[in-house]
Amino acid sequence: MIAELGKRLSNHHSQTPDDLAEQTMRGINRTAFTDWIQMEPRPRDFTTPTFRPFEGKTDPLDHIYHF
């Protein structure tokens, strides 16, 4: 068990902010919905909500409360 822990720790590396940003960008298009849910027809009056990206020029709490 200690050998396994040592092996896992030796393979661990710290993530830089760039690594974290890249990881976030890769996951941004993922969805929690399965294919069959995504393939269901949407209601006739459904409109996709629009989201404003946070640009850092306004209050972050105002941005979060939008959601």
Protein backbone atom coordinates (compact mmCIF):
# COMPACT_ATOMS: atom_id res chain seq x y z
CA MET A 1 0.00 0.00 0.00
CA ILE A 2 2.82 2.44 0.83
CA ALA A 3 4.56 1.54 -2.42
CA GLU A 4 1.37 2.34 -4.36
CA LEU A 5 1.04 5.68 -2.59
CA GLY A 6 4.67 6.50 -3.36
CA LYS A 7 4.11 5.62 -7.01
CA ARG A 8 1.08 7.89 -7.23
CA LEU A 9 2.88 10.76 -5.53
CA SER A 10 5.90 10.46 -7.82
CA ASN A 11 3.61 10.79 -10.85
CA HIS A 12 1.91 13.90 -9.43
CA HIS A 13 2.89 17.32 -10.75
CA SER A 14 1.68 20.76 -9.80
CA GLN A 15 -0.66 22.50 -12.19
CA THR A 16 0.18 25.98 -13.34
CA PRO A 17 -2.54 28.57 -13.95
CA ASP A 18 -2.07 27.94 -17.69
CA ASP A 19 -2.64 24.20 -17.13
CA LEU A 20 -5.83 24.94 -15.21
CA ALA A 21 -7.07 27.37 -17.87
CA GLU A 22 -6.43 24.80 -20.61
CA GLN A 23 -8.21 22.11 -18.61
CA THR A 24 -11.19 24.43 -18.15
CA MET A 25 -11.33 25.29 -21.83
CA ARG A 26 -11.27 21.61 -22.81
CA GLY A 27 -14.22 20.94 -20.52
CA ILE A 28 -16.25 23.99 -21.45
CA ASN A 29 -18.06 22.24 -24.30
CA ARG A 30 -18.86 19.14 -22.31
CA THR A 31 -22.37 18.53 -21.18
CA ALA A 32 -23.89 16.54 -18.36
CA PHE A 33 -26.75 15.49 -20.61
CA THR A 34 -26.76 12.17 -22.39
CA ASP A 35 -27.20 11.96 -26.15
CA TRP A 36 -30.85 10.93 -25.93
CA ILE A 37 -31.66 14.02 -23.86
CA GLN A 38 -29.86 16.30 -26.30
CA MET A 39 -31.69 14.74 -29.25
CA GLU A 40 -35.15 15.44 -27.80
CA PRO A 41 -37.02 18.16 -29.68
CA ARG A 42 -37.23 21.45 -27.86
CA PRO A 43 -40.55 23.15 -27.22
CA ARG A 44 -41.70 25.34 -30.12
CA ASP A 45 -41.37 28.54 -28.06
CA PHE A 46 -37.94 27.67 -26.61
CA THR A 47 -35.17 30.21 -27.08
CA THR A 48 -31.58 29.64 -26.05
CA PRO A 49 -30.61 32.09 -23.30
CA THR A 50 -27.79 34.49 -24.04
CA PHE A 51 -24.88 34.77 -21.67
CA ARG A 52 -22.55 37.70 -21.33
CA PRO A 53 -18.94 36.66 -20.73
CA PHE A 54 -17.34 38.17 -17.64
CA GLU A 55 -14.68 40.62 -18.77
CA GLY A 56 -13.54 41.81 -15.35
CA LYS A 57 -14.83 45.35 -15.83
CA THR A 58 -17.94 45.02 -13.67
CA ASP A 59 -18.84 43.65 -10.27
CA PRO A 60 -18.29 39.85 -10.32
CA LEU A 61 -21.26 39.31 -7.99
CA ASP A 62 -23.59 41.06 -10.45
CA HIS A 63 -22.34 38.69 -13.14
CA ILE A 64 -22.87 35.58 -11.00
CA TYR A 65 -26.34 36.67 -9.89
CA HIS A 66 -27.35 36.77 -13.56
CA PHE A 67 -27.25 32.97 -13.48
